[in-house]
N, C-alpha and C. Protein backbone atom coordinates (compact mmCIF):
# COMPACT_ATOMS: atom_id res chain seq x y z
N MET A 1 22.73 -27.87 -40.52
CA MET A 1 22.03 -28.80 -41.39
C MET A 1 21.63 -30.04 -40.58
N ASN A 2 20.47 -30.53 -40.88
CA ASN A 2 19.95 -31.71 -40.21
C ASN A 2 20.75 -32.94 -40.66
N ASP A 3 21.30 -33.68 -39.70
CA ASP A 3 22.10 -34.86 -40.02
C ASP A 3 21.28 -35.96 -40.69
N ASP A 4 19.97 -35.97 -40.45
CA ASP A 4 19.10 -37.00 -41.03
C ASP A 4 18.67 -36.68 -42.46
N LEU A 5 18.92 -35.48 -42.93
CA LEU A 5 18.45 -35.06 -44.25
C LEU A 5 18.96 -35.95 -45.38
N PRO A 6 20.24 -36.26 -45.45
CA PRO A 6 20.68 -37.14 -46.55
C PRO A 6 20.00 -38.50 -46.56
N SER A 7 19.79 -39.09 -45.39
CA SER A 7 19.14 -40.41 -45.35
C SER A 7 17.66 -40.29 -45.72
N GLU A 8 17.01 -39.18 -45.33
CA GLU A 8 15.60 -38.97 -45.69
C GLU A 8 15.46 -38.77 -47.20
N ILE A 9 16.35 -38.00 -47.79
CA ILE A 9 16.34 -37.79 -49.24
C ILE A 9 16.52 -39.13 -49.95
N GLU A 10 17.46 -39.92 -49.49
CA GLU A 10 17.72 -41.22 -50.11
C GLU A 10 16.51 -42.15 -49.96
N ARG A 11 15.86 -42.13 -48.80
CA ARG A 11 14.67 -42.96 -48.57
C ARG A 11 13.55 -42.60 -49.55
N ILE A 12 13.27 -41.31 -49.71
CA ILE A 12 12.21 -40.87 -50.61
C ILE A 12 12.58 -41.18 -52.06
N ARG A 13 13.83 -40.96 -52.44
CA ARG A 13 14.28 -41.29 -53.80
C ARG A 13 14.12 -42.78 -54.08
N LYS A 14 14.42 -43.61 -53.09
CA LYS A 14 14.30 -45.06 -53.29
C LYS A 14 12.84 -45.46 -53.49
N VAL A 15 11.93 -44.87 -52.72
CA VAL A 15 10.50 -45.15 -52.90
C VAL A 15 10.10 -44.81 -54.33
N SER A 16 10.53 -43.66 -54.80
CA SER A 16 10.20 -43.22 -56.16
C SER A 16 10.80 -44.13 -57.22
N GLN A 17 12.06 -44.46 -57.07
CA GLN A 17 12.76 -45.30 -58.05
C GLN A 17 12.20 -46.72 -58.12
N ASP A 18 11.77 -47.25 -56.99
CA ASP A 18 11.29 -48.63 -56.94
C ASP A 18 9.79 -48.76 -57.23
N ALA A 19 9.11 -47.64 -57.38
CA ALA A 19 7.64 -47.65 -57.52
C ALA A 19 7.20 -48.20 -58.88
N ASP A 20 5.96 -48.68 -58.89
CA ASP A 20 5.34 -49.13 -60.13
C ASP A 20 4.61 -47.95 -60.77
N CYS A 21 4.83 -47.74 -62.06
CA CYS A 21 4.13 -46.68 -62.78
C CYS A 21 2.77 -47.22 -63.22
N LEU A 22 1.70 -46.57 -62.75
CA LEU A 22 0.34 -47.01 -63.08
C LEU A 22 -0.28 -46.20 -64.21
N ALA A 23 0.23 -44.99 -64.43
CA ALA A 23 -0.23 -44.15 -65.55
C ALA A 23 0.93 -43.25 -65.96
N THR A 24 1.31 -43.33 -67.22
CA THR A 24 2.43 -42.54 -67.72
C THR A 24 2.06 -41.07 -67.85
N GLU A 25 3.07 -40.24 -68.05
CA GLU A 25 2.85 -38.81 -68.26
C GLU A 25 1.93 -38.58 -69.47
N GLN A 26 2.09 -39.35 -70.52
CA GLN A 26 1.26 -39.21 -71.72
C GLN A 26 -0.19 -39.62 -71.43
N GLU A 27 -0.39 -40.68 -70.67
CA GLU A 27 -1.74 -41.10 -70.31
C GLU A 27 -2.43 -40.07 -69.43
N VAL A 28 -1.67 -39.47 -68.53
CA VAL A 28 -2.22 -38.43 -67.66
C VAL A 28 -2.62 -37.22 -68.48
N ALA A 29 -1.77 -36.78 -69.41
CA ALA A 29 -2.08 -35.62 -70.26
C ALA A 29 -3.33 -35.87 -71.09
N ALA A 30 -3.46 -37.06 -71.64
CA ALA A 30 -4.66 -37.40 -72.42
C ALA A 30 -5.91 -37.38 -71.54
N ALA A 31 -5.77 -37.83 -70.31
CA ALA A 31 -6.91 -37.81 -69.37
C ALA A 31 -7.33 -36.37 -69.09
N PHE A 32 -6.37 -35.49 -68.89
CA PHE A 32 -6.69 -34.07 -68.66
C PHE A 32 -7.40 -33.46 -69.87
N ASP A 33 -6.94 -33.81 -71.06
CA ASP A 33 -7.59 -33.29 -72.28
C ASP A 33 -9.05 -33.73 -72.34
N THR A 34 -9.30 -34.99 -72.08
CA THR A 34 -10.66 -35.53 -72.12
C THR A 34 -11.55 -34.89 -71.06
N MET A 35 -11.01 -34.75 -69.85
CA MET A 35 -11.77 -34.12 -68.77
C MET A 35 -12.12 -32.68 -69.13
N ALA A 36 -11.15 -31.94 -69.64
CA ALA A 36 -11.37 -30.52 -69.97
C ALA A 36 -12.46 -30.38 -71.04
N GLN A 37 -12.49 -31.27 -72.00
CA GLN A 37 -13.54 -31.22 -73.03
C GLN A 37 -14.92 -31.42 -72.39
N ALA A 38 -15.03 -32.38 -71.51
CA ALA A 38 -16.32 -32.66 -70.86
C ALA A 38 -16.74 -31.51 -69.94
N ILE A 39 -15.79 -30.96 -69.20
CA ILE A 39 -16.09 -29.82 -68.32
C ILE A 39 -16.53 -28.62 -69.14
N THR A 40 -15.84 -28.35 -70.22
CA THR A 40 -16.18 -27.23 -71.09
C THR A 40 -17.59 -27.38 -71.63
N GLN A 41 -17.91 -28.57 -72.08
CA GLN A 41 -19.24 -28.82 -72.63
C GLN A 41 -20.33 -28.51 -71.60
N ARG A 42 -20.09 -28.88 -70.36
CA ARG A 42 -21.11 -28.72 -69.32
C ARG A 42 -21.16 -27.33 -68.70
N LEU A 43 -20.00 -26.66 -68.55
CA LEU A 43 -19.96 -25.43 -67.76
C LEU A 43 -19.60 -24.16 -68.53
N LYS A 44 -19.35 -24.24 -69.81
CA LYS A 44 -18.84 -23.08 -70.56
C LYS A 44 -19.77 -21.87 -70.54
N ASP A 45 -21.04 -22.06 -70.40
CA ASP A 45 -22.00 -20.94 -70.42
C ASP A 45 -22.58 -20.65 -69.04
N LYS A 46 -21.91 -21.08 -67.97
CA LYS A 46 -22.48 -20.95 -66.63
C LYS A 46 -21.68 -20.04 -65.70
N LEU A 47 -20.59 -19.46 -66.15
CA LEU A 47 -19.74 -18.60 -65.32
C LEU A 47 -19.47 -19.25 -63.95
N PRO A 48 -18.89 -20.44 -63.96
CA PRO A 48 -18.71 -21.18 -62.70
C PRO A 48 -17.61 -20.62 -61.82
N VAL A 49 -17.66 -21.02 -60.56
CA VAL A 49 -16.54 -20.82 -59.66
C VAL A 49 -15.90 -22.19 -59.46
N VAL A 50 -14.59 -22.23 -59.64
CA VAL A 50 -13.81 -23.47 -59.54
C VAL A 50 -13.06 -23.43 -58.23
N TYR A 51 -13.25 -24.45 -57.40
CA TYR A 51 -12.55 -24.55 -56.13
C TYR A 51 -11.53 -25.67 -56.20
N CYS A 52 -10.29 -25.32 -55.95
CA CYS A 52 -9.21 -26.29 -55.87
C CYS A 52 -9.14 -26.80 -54.45
N VAL A 53 -9.16 -28.13 -54.28
CA VAL A 53 -8.98 -28.74 -52.97
C VAL A 53 -7.48 -28.88 -52.74
N MET A 54 -6.97 -28.14 -51.77
CA MET A 54 -5.54 -28.15 -51.47
C MET A 54 -5.21 -29.33 -50.56
N ASN A 55 -4.07 -29.88 -50.62
CA ASN A 55 -2.96 -29.60 -51.48
C ASN A 55 -3.02 -30.47 -52.74
N GLY A 56 -3.62 -31.62 -52.63
CA GLY A 56 -3.60 -32.57 -53.74
C GLY A 56 -4.20 -32.05 -55.02
N GLY A 57 -5.26 -31.27 -54.94
CA GLY A 57 -5.95 -30.79 -56.13
C GLY A 57 -5.21 -29.72 -56.89
N MET A 58 -4.11 -29.21 -56.33
CA MET A 58 -3.36 -28.15 -56.97
C MET A 58 -2.86 -28.56 -58.37
N PHE A 59 -2.31 -29.74 -58.48
CA PHE A 59 -1.77 -30.23 -59.76
C PHE A 59 -2.90 -30.39 -60.77
N THR A 60 -3.97 -31.07 -60.38
CA THR A 60 -5.09 -31.32 -61.28
C THR A 60 -5.75 -30.01 -61.69
N THR A 61 -5.94 -29.09 -60.74
CA THR A 61 -6.55 -27.80 -61.05
C THR A 61 -5.70 -27.04 -62.05
N SER A 62 -4.40 -26.99 -61.83
CA SER A 62 -3.51 -26.29 -62.74
C SER A 62 -3.59 -26.86 -64.16
N GLU A 63 -3.54 -28.16 -64.26
CA GLU A 63 -3.58 -28.79 -65.59
C GLU A 63 -4.93 -28.56 -66.28
N LEU A 64 -6.02 -28.62 -65.52
CA LEU A 64 -7.33 -28.40 -66.13
C LEU A 64 -7.54 -26.93 -66.51
N LEU A 65 -7.12 -26.00 -65.64
CA LEU A 65 -7.32 -24.58 -65.95
C LEU A 65 -6.63 -24.19 -67.25
N LYS A 66 -5.48 -24.77 -67.54
CA LYS A 66 -4.77 -24.48 -68.80
C LYS A 66 -5.59 -24.90 -70.01
N ARG A 67 -6.52 -25.83 -69.80
CA ARG A 67 -7.30 -26.39 -70.90
C ARG A 67 -8.73 -25.85 -70.97
N LEU A 68 -9.14 -25.06 -70.00
CA LEU A 68 -10.51 -24.53 -69.96
C LEU A 68 -10.51 -23.11 -70.52
N ASP A 69 -11.10 -22.95 -71.69
CA ASP A 69 -11.07 -21.66 -72.39
C ASP A 69 -12.45 -21.00 -72.34
N PHE A 70 -12.92 -20.72 -71.13
CA PHE A 70 -14.18 -20.01 -70.94
C PHE A 70 -14.10 -19.25 -69.62
N PRO A 71 -14.96 -18.24 -69.43
CA PRO A 71 -14.88 -17.44 -68.20
C PRO A 71 -15.23 -18.25 -66.95
N LEU A 72 -14.40 -18.11 -65.92
CA LEU A 72 -14.62 -18.78 -64.65
C LEU A 72 -13.85 -18.03 -63.57
N GLU A 73 -14.24 -18.25 -62.33
CA GLU A 73 -13.49 -17.73 -61.18
C GLU A 73 -12.81 -18.91 -60.49
N VAL A 74 -11.70 -18.63 -59.83
CA VAL A 74 -10.95 -19.68 -59.15
C VAL A 74 -10.72 -19.30 -57.70
N ASP A 75 -10.90 -20.26 -56.82
CA ASP A 75 -10.62 -20.10 -55.40
C ASP A 75 -10.10 -21.46 -54.90
N TYR A 76 -9.81 -21.54 -53.63
CA TYR A 76 -9.35 -22.81 -53.08
C TYR A 76 -9.98 -23.03 -51.72
N LEU A 77 -9.90 -24.27 -51.29
CA LEU A 77 -10.30 -24.65 -49.94
C LEU A 77 -9.35 -25.73 -49.50
N HIS A 78 -9.33 -25.98 -48.21
CA HIS A 78 -8.40 -26.99 -47.72
C HIS A 78 -9.08 -27.81 -46.62
N ALA A 79 -9.35 -29.02 -46.96
CA ALA A 79 -9.89 -29.99 -46.01
C ALA A 79 -9.10 -31.28 -46.21
N THR A 80 -8.74 -31.94 -45.15
CA THR A 80 -7.91 -33.12 -45.28
C THR A 80 -8.29 -34.17 -44.25
N ARG A 81 -7.92 -35.39 -44.55
CA ARG A 81 -8.07 -36.49 -43.60
C ARG A 81 -6.74 -37.23 -43.43
N TYR A 82 -5.72 -36.84 -44.18
CA TYR A 82 -4.46 -37.59 -44.18
C TYR A 82 -3.36 -36.96 -43.34
N ARG A 83 -3.22 -35.66 -43.36
CA ARG A 83 -2.21 -34.95 -42.57
C ARG A 83 -0.83 -35.60 -42.67
N ARG A 84 -0.35 -35.76 -43.89
CA ARG A 84 0.99 -36.28 -44.19
C ARG A 84 1.18 -37.74 -43.79
N LYS A 85 0.11 -38.49 -43.66
CA LYS A 85 0.17 -39.92 -43.34
C LYS A 85 -0.35 -40.70 -44.54
N THR A 86 -0.24 -42.00 -44.48
CA THR A 86 -0.72 -42.84 -45.57
C THR A 86 -2.10 -43.42 -45.29
N GLU A 87 -2.65 -43.17 -44.09
CA GLU A 87 -3.99 -43.64 -43.75
C GLU A 87 -4.84 -42.46 -43.32
N ALA A 88 -6.12 -42.50 -43.69
CA ALA A 88 -7.03 -41.39 -43.41
C ALA A 88 -7.46 -41.36 -41.95
N GLY A 89 -7.73 -40.15 -41.48
CA GLY A 89 -8.27 -39.94 -40.14
C GLY A 89 -9.54 -39.12 -40.24
N ASP A 90 -9.84 -38.34 -39.22
CA ASP A 90 -11.03 -37.49 -39.20
C ASP A 90 -10.86 -36.30 -40.15
N LEU A 91 -11.97 -35.78 -40.65
CA LEU A 91 -11.95 -34.62 -41.53
C LEU A 91 -11.50 -33.40 -40.75
N HIS A 92 -10.59 -32.67 -41.32
CA HIS A 92 -10.05 -31.46 -40.71
C HIS A 92 -10.12 -30.32 -41.72
N TRP A 93 -10.90 -29.27 -41.40
CA TRP A 93 -11.00 -28.10 -42.27
C TRP A 93 -9.88 -27.13 -41.92
N ARG A 94 -9.09 -26.76 -42.91
CA ARG A 94 -8.02 -25.78 -42.70
C ARG A 94 -8.42 -24.41 -43.24
N VAL A 95 -9.00 -24.36 -44.44
CA VAL A 95 -9.38 -23.09 -45.06
C VAL A 95 -10.68 -23.30 -45.84
N GLU A 96 -11.66 -22.44 -45.60
CA GLU A 96 -12.88 -22.44 -46.40
C GLU A 96 -12.71 -21.41 -47.52
N PRO A 97 -13.42 -21.58 -48.63
CA PRO A 97 -13.24 -20.66 -49.76
C PRO A 97 -13.73 -19.25 -49.44
N GLU A 98 -13.15 -18.26 -50.15
CA GLU A 98 -13.55 -16.87 -49.98
C GLU A 98 -14.59 -16.44 -51.01
N VAL A 99 -14.49 -16.95 -52.23
CA VAL A 99 -15.45 -16.57 -53.28
C VAL A 99 -16.80 -17.22 -52.96
N ALA A 100 -17.83 -16.38 -52.90
CA ALA A 100 -19.18 -16.87 -52.55
C ALA A 100 -19.68 -17.83 -53.61
N MET A 101 -20.35 -18.88 -53.16
CA MET A 101 -20.87 -19.88 -54.09
C MET A 101 -22.39 -19.86 -54.18
N LYS A 102 -23.04 -19.05 -53.36
CA LYS A 102 -24.50 -19.01 -53.36
C LYS A 102 -25.02 -18.63 -54.75
N GLY A 103 -25.91 -19.46 -55.26
CA GLY A 103 -26.51 -19.23 -56.57
C GLY A 103 -25.60 -19.50 -57.75
N ARG A 104 -24.43 -20.05 -57.52
CA ARG A 104 -23.43 -20.27 -58.57
C ARG A 104 -23.33 -21.74 -58.97
N SER A 105 -22.84 -21.95 -60.18
CA SER A 105 -22.40 -23.28 -60.58
C SER A 105 -21.00 -23.46 -60.02
N VAL A 106 -20.78 -24.56 -59.35
CA VAL A 106 -19.52 -24.82 -58.65
C VAL A 106 -18.88 -26.07 -59.22
N LEU A 107 -17.57 -25.98 -59.44
CA LEU A 107 -16.77 -27.14 -59.82
C LEU A 107 -15.68 -27.29 -58.77
N VAL A 108 -15.68 -28.42 -58.07
CA VAL A 108 -14.66 -28.73 -57.07
C VAL A 108 -13.67 -29.70 -57.73
N ILE A 109 -12.39 -29.34 -57.68
CA ILE A 109 -11.36 -30.18 -58.31
C ILE A 109 -10.44 -30.74 -57.25
N ASP A 110 -10.25 -32.06 -57.29
CA ASP A 110 -9.35 -32.74 -56.37
C ASP A 110 -8.50 -33.73 -57.15
N ASP A 111 -7.52 -34.31 -56.48
CA ASP A 111 -6.63 -35.24 -57.15
C ASP A 111 -7.22 -36.63 -57.29
N ILE A 112 -7.89 -37.12 -56.23
CA ILE A 112 -8.27 -38.53 -56.20
C ILE A 112 -9.59 -38.73 -55.49
N LEU A 113 -10.34 -39.68 -55.98
CA LEU A 113 -11.52 -40.18 -55.28
C LEU A 113 -11.17 -41.58 -54.81
N ASP A 114 -10.89 -41.68 -53.51
CA ASP A 114 -10.58 -42.97 -52.91
C ASP A 114 -11.86 -43.45 -52.25
N GLU A 115 -11.98 -43.31 -50.97
CA GLU A 115 -13.24 -43.66 -50.31
C GLU A 115 -14.25 -42.54 -50.48
N GLY A 116 -13.78 -41.30 -50.61
CA GLY A 116 -14.66 -40.19 -50.96
C GLY A 116 -15.27 -39.43 -49.80
N ALA A 117 -14.93 -39.76 -48.56
CA ALA A 117 -15.53 -39.06 -47.42
C ALA A 117 -15.19 -37.58 -47.42
N THR A 118 -13.93 -37.24 -47.70
CA THR A 118 -13.52 -35.83 -47.72
C THR A 118 -14.23 -35.09 -48.84
N LEU A 119 -14.20 -35.62 -50.03
CA LEU A 119 -14.83 -34.95 -51.17
C LEU A 119 -16.34 -34.84 -50.98
N ALA A 120 -16.99 -35.88 -50.46
CA ALA A 120 -18.44 -35.82 -50.22
C ALA A 120 -18.77 -34.72 -49.22
N ALA A 121 -17.95 -34.58 -48.17
CA ALA A 121 -18.18 -33.53 -47.17
C ALA A 121 -18.01 -32.14 -47.79
N ILE A 122 -17.05 -31.98 -48.66
CA ILE A 122 -16.83 -30.70 -49.33
C ILE A 122 -18.02 -30.37 -50.24
N LEU A 123 -18.49 -31.33 -51.00
CA LEU A 123 -19.63 -31.10 -51.89
C LEU A 123 -20.89 -30.77 -51.09
N ASP A 124 -21.09 -31.47 -49.98
CA ASP A 124 -22.22 -31.14 -49.10
C ASP A 124 -22.11 -29.71 -48.59
N HIS A 125 -20.93 -29.29 -48.22
CA HIS A 125 -20.70 -27.93 -47.74
C HIS A 125 -21.10 -26.91 -48.82
N CYS A 126 -20.72 -27.19 -50.06
CA CYS A 126 -21.08 -26.28 -51.17
C CYS A 126 -22.60 -26.19 -51.32
N ARG A 127 -23.28 -27.30 -51.23
CA ARG A 127 -24.75 -27.29 -51.32
C ARG A 127 -25.36 -26.52 -50.16
N GLU A 128 -24.82 -26.73 -48.96
CA GLU A 128 -25.32 -26.02 -47.78
C GLU A 128 -25.12 -24.52 -47.90
N GLN A 129 -24.09 -24.10 -48.63
CA GLN A 129 -23.82 -22.68 -48.83
C GLN A 129 -24.68 -22.07 -49.94
N GLY A 130 -25.52 -22.89 -50.57
CA GLY A 130 -26.47 -22.38 -51.55
C GLY A 130 -26.02 -22.42 -52.99
N ALA A 131 -25.01 -23.22 -53.31
CA ALA A 131 -24.60 -23.35 -54.71
C ALA A 131 -25.77 -23.87 -55.54
N LYS A 132 -25.92 -23.33 -56.73
CA LYS A 132 -27.02 -23.72 -57.61
C LYS A 132 -26.77 -25.12 -58.19
N GLU A 133 -25.54 -25.38 -58.52
CA GLU A 133 -25.14 -26.66 -59.13
C GLU A 133 -23.76 -26.98 -58.60
N VAL A 134 -23.56 -28.22 -58.16
CA VAL A 134 -22.26 -28.64 -57.63
C VAL A 134 -21.78 -29.84 -58.43
N THR A 135 -20.61 -29.69 -59.05
CA THR A 135 -19.98 -30.79 -59.77
C THR A 135 -18.56 -30.95 -59.23
N CYS A 136 -17.97 -32.11 -59.51
CA CYS A 136 -16.59 -32.33 -59.07
C CYS A 136 -15.82 -33.07 -60.14
N ALA A 137 -14.52 -32.81 -60.13
CA ALA A 137 -13.60 -33.45 -61.07
C ALA A 137 -12.43 -34.01 -60.28
N VAL A 138 -12.03 -35.22 -60.61
CA VAL A 138 -10.85 -35.85 -60.01
C VAL A 138 -10.02 -36.47 -61.11
N LEU A 139 -8.73 -36.40 -60.95
CA LEU A 139 -7.87 -37.06 -61.93
C LEU A 139 -8.00 -38.58 -61.82
N VAL A 140 -8.06 -39.09 -60.58
CA VAL A 140 -8.02 -40.53 -60.36
C VAL A 140 -9.21 -40.99 -59.52
N ASP A 141 -9.82 -42.09 -59.95
CA ASP A 141 -10.83 -42.79 -59.15
C ASP A 141 -10.27 -44.19 -58.91
N LYS A 142 -10.12 -44.54 -57.63
CA LYS A 142 -9.63 -45.88 -57.30
C LYS A 142 -10.74 -46.90 -57.44
N LYS A 143 -10.40 -48.03 -58.05
CA LYS A 143 -11.36 -49.12 -58.23
C LYS A 143 -11.41 -49.99 -56.97
N HIS A 144 -12.50 -49.85 -56.22
CA HIS A 144 -12.75 -50.69 -55.06
C HIS A 144 -14.20 -50.51 -54.61
N ASN A 145 -14.60 -51.25 -53.60
CA ASN A 145 -15.98 -51.21 -53.10
C ASN A 145 -16.11 -50.51 -51.75
N ARG A 146 -15.20 -49.58 -51.42
CA ARG A 146 -15.22 -48.96 -50.10
C ARG A 146 -15.61 -47.48 -50.14
N LYS A 147 -16.40 -47.05 -51.09
CA LYS A 147 -16.80 -45.65 -51.15
C LYS A 147 -17.58 -45.30 -49.88
N ALA A 148 -17.33 -44.09 -49.37
CA ALA A 148 -17.99 -43.64 -48.13
C ALA A 148 -19.49 -43.50 -48.31
N VAL A 149 -19.90 -43.08 -49.50
CA VAL A 149 -21.31 -42.95 -49.83
C VAL A 149 -21.56 -43.90 -50.99
N GLU A 150 -22.48 -44.84 -50.81
CA GLU A 150 -22.74 -45.84 -51.84
C GLU A 150 -23.07 -45.17 -53.17
N GLY A 151 -22.42 -45.60 -54.22
CA GLY A 151 -22.67 -45.07 -55.55
C GLY A 151 -22.02 -43.72 -55.83
N PHE A 152 -21.23 -43.19 -54.90
CA PHE A 152 -20.60 -41.89 -55.07
C PHE A 152 -19.55 -41.96 -56.17
N SER A 153 -19.61 -40.98 -57.08
CA SER A 153 -18.60 -40.88 -58.14
C SER A 153 -18.45 -39.42 -58.51
N ALA A 154 -17.35 -39.11 -59.16
CA ALA A 154 -17.11 -37.75 -59.62
C ALA A 154 -17.86 -37.52 -60.93
N ASP A 155 -18.19 -36.28 -61.20
CA ASP A 155 -18.84 -35.93 -62.47
C ASP A 155 -17.86 -36.03 -63.62
N PHE A 156 -16.58 -35.75 -63.34
CA PHE A 156 -15.53 -35.79 -64.35
C PHE A 156 -14.34 -36.54 -63.77
N THR A 157 -13.99 -37.66 -64.41
CA THR A 157 -12.89 -38.49 -63.93
C THR A 157 -11.91 -38.73 -65.07
N GLY A 158 -10.62 -38.58 -64.76
CA GLY A 158 -9.59 -38.79 -65.77
C GLY A 158 -9.21 -40.25 -65.94
N LEU A 159 -8.89 -40.92 -64.86
CA LEU A 159 -8.37 -42.29 -64.91
C LEU A 159 -8.95 -43.12 -63.76
N GLU A 160 -9.14 -44.40 -64.01
CA GLU A 160 -9.43 -45.36 -62.95
C GLU A 160 -8.18 -46.18 -62.76
N VAL A 161 -7.77 -46.35 -61.50
CA VAL A 161 -6.57 -47.12 -61.23
C VAL A 161 -6.85 -48.14 -60.14
N GLU A 162 -5.95 -49.08 -60.04
CA GLU A 162 -6.11 -50.13 -59.04
C GLU A 162 -6.02 -49.56 -57.63
N ASP A 163 -6.48 -50.33 -56.70
CA ASP A 163 -6.58 -49.92 -55.30
C ASP A 163 -5.24 -50.09 -54.60
N ARG A 164 -4.38 -49.08 -54.78
CA ARG A 164 -3.08 -49.04 -54.12
C ARG A 164 -2.84 -47.63 -53.64
N TYR A 165 -1.88 -47.46 -52.77
CA TYR A 165 -1.49 -46.11 -52.35
C TYR A 165 -0.78 -45.46 -53.53
N LEU A 166 -1.15 -44.24 -53.88
CA LEU A 166 -0.64 -43.58 -55.08
C LEU A 166 0.14 -42.32 -54.75
N PHE A 167 1.05 -41.97 -55.64
CA PHE A 167 1.71 -40.66 -55.55
C PHE A 167 2.03 -40.17 -56.95
N GLY A 168 2.32 -38.86 -57.03
CA GLY A 168 2.52 -38.18 -58.30
C GLY A 168 1.25 -37.47 -58.73
N CYS A 169 1.36 -36.48 -59.60
CA CYS A 169 0.20 -35.73 -60.11
C CYS A 169 -0.64 -35.13 -58.97
N GLY A 170 0.03 -34.62 -57.95
CA GLY A 170 -0.66 -34.00 -56.82
C GLY A 170 -0.81 -34.91 -55.62
N MET A 171 -0.78 -36.19 -55.82
CA MET A 171 -0.89 -37.14 -54.70
C MET A 171 0.50 -37.34 -54.09
N ASP A 172 0.53 -37.44 -52.76
CA ASP A 172 1.84 -37.45 -52.12
C ASP A 172 2.17 -38.78 -51.46
N TYR A 173 3.46 -38.96 -51.26
CA TYR A 173 3.96 -40.03 -50.42
C TYR A 173 4.59 -39.36 -49.21
N GLN A 174 3.89 -39.38 -48.08
CA GLN A 174 4.35 -38.77 -46.83
C GLN A 174 4.77 -37.31 -47.03
N GLY A 175 3.99 -36.60 -47.83
CA GLY A 175 4.23 -35.18 -48.07
C GLY A 175 5.13 -34.89 -49.26
N TYR A 176 5.73 -35.89 -49.85
CA TYR A 176 6.67 -35.72 -50.95
C TYR A 176 6.11 -36.30 -52.25
N LEU A 177 6.76 -35.98 -53.35
CA LEU A 177 6.56 -36.58 -54.67
C LEU A 177 5.26 -36.17 -55.37
N ARG A 178 4.56 -35.14 -54.89
CA ARG A 178 3.36 -34.63 -55.57
C ARG A 178 3.69 -34.12 -56.97
N ASN A 179 4.90 -33.66 -57.16
CA ASN A 179 5.31 -32.96 -58.37
C ASN A 179 5.59 -33.89 -59.56
N LEU A 180 5.57 -35.18 -59.38
CA LEU A 180 5.87 -36.08 -60.50
C LEU A 180 4.74 -36.07 -61.52
N PRO A 181 5.04 -36.10 -62.82
CA PRO A 181 4.02 -35.96 -63.86
C PRO A 181 3.30 -37.24 -64.25
N ALA A 182 3.60 -38.34 -63.59
CA ALA A 182 2.94 -39.63 -63.83
C ALA A 182 2.42 -40.14 -62.49
N ILE A 183 1.67 -41.23 -62.52
CA ILE A 183 1.08 -41.78 -61.30
C ILE A 183 1.78 -43.09 -60.94
N TYR A 184 2.19 -43.17 -59.68
CA TYR A 184 2.95 -44.30 -59.20
C TYR A 184 2.34 -44.90 -57.95
N ALA A 185 2.73 -46.15 -57.68
CA ALA A 185 2.38 -46.83 -56.43
C ALA A 185 3.66 -47.41 -55.86
N PRO A 186 3.94 -47.14 -54.59
CA PRO A 186 5.13 -47.72 -53.98
C PRO A 186 4.99 -49.24 -53.85
N GLN A 187 6.09 -49.93 -53.98
CA GLN A 187 6.04 -51.37 -53.81
C GLN A 187 5.70 -51.68 -52.36
N GLY A 188 4.84 -52.66 -52.16
CA GLY A 188 4.46 -53.09 -50.84
C GLY A 188 3.28 -52.32 -50.23
N LEU A 189 2.79 -51.28 -50.91
CA LEU A 189 1.62 -50.54 -50.41
C LEU A 189 0.53 -50.54 -51.44
């Protein structure tokens, strides 16, 4: 057993315990309900392919899929700029989707729209692959003026939150705490 494991567990627990709750579990659930209604209205008759952006989008995709009652296909892709850190770096593609998007309506689901460089690159990739229509959904949009593409926004957004480092609901703190059902910000970040 790793001798550092108990101290690492305690460190992560302390971050979680001391964090500020920015959106409760009930507020998050209501946001998912509202998003699912809007997505259904727009895509229910289009037989879309839904791409989950891993790893963060896993939580949001799961919650939305439970609420979408129309035919769709699901696949995933993995592009990241964080690599278990709290600051973004260069875009790194890990996995491209397998389900073809050419001529299809596409919905890309991610956890957060922060500056948006990663999500914008993914959406551009979908267009380059010949998708007929490209939309995106994010649980959280951070309120700030640093978007990578001026005026960039998601087609479907659950919550707007203040400009802090976030975790929970798919968003991680150094690789941990994605599984929490509410949205938090660590103190001091």
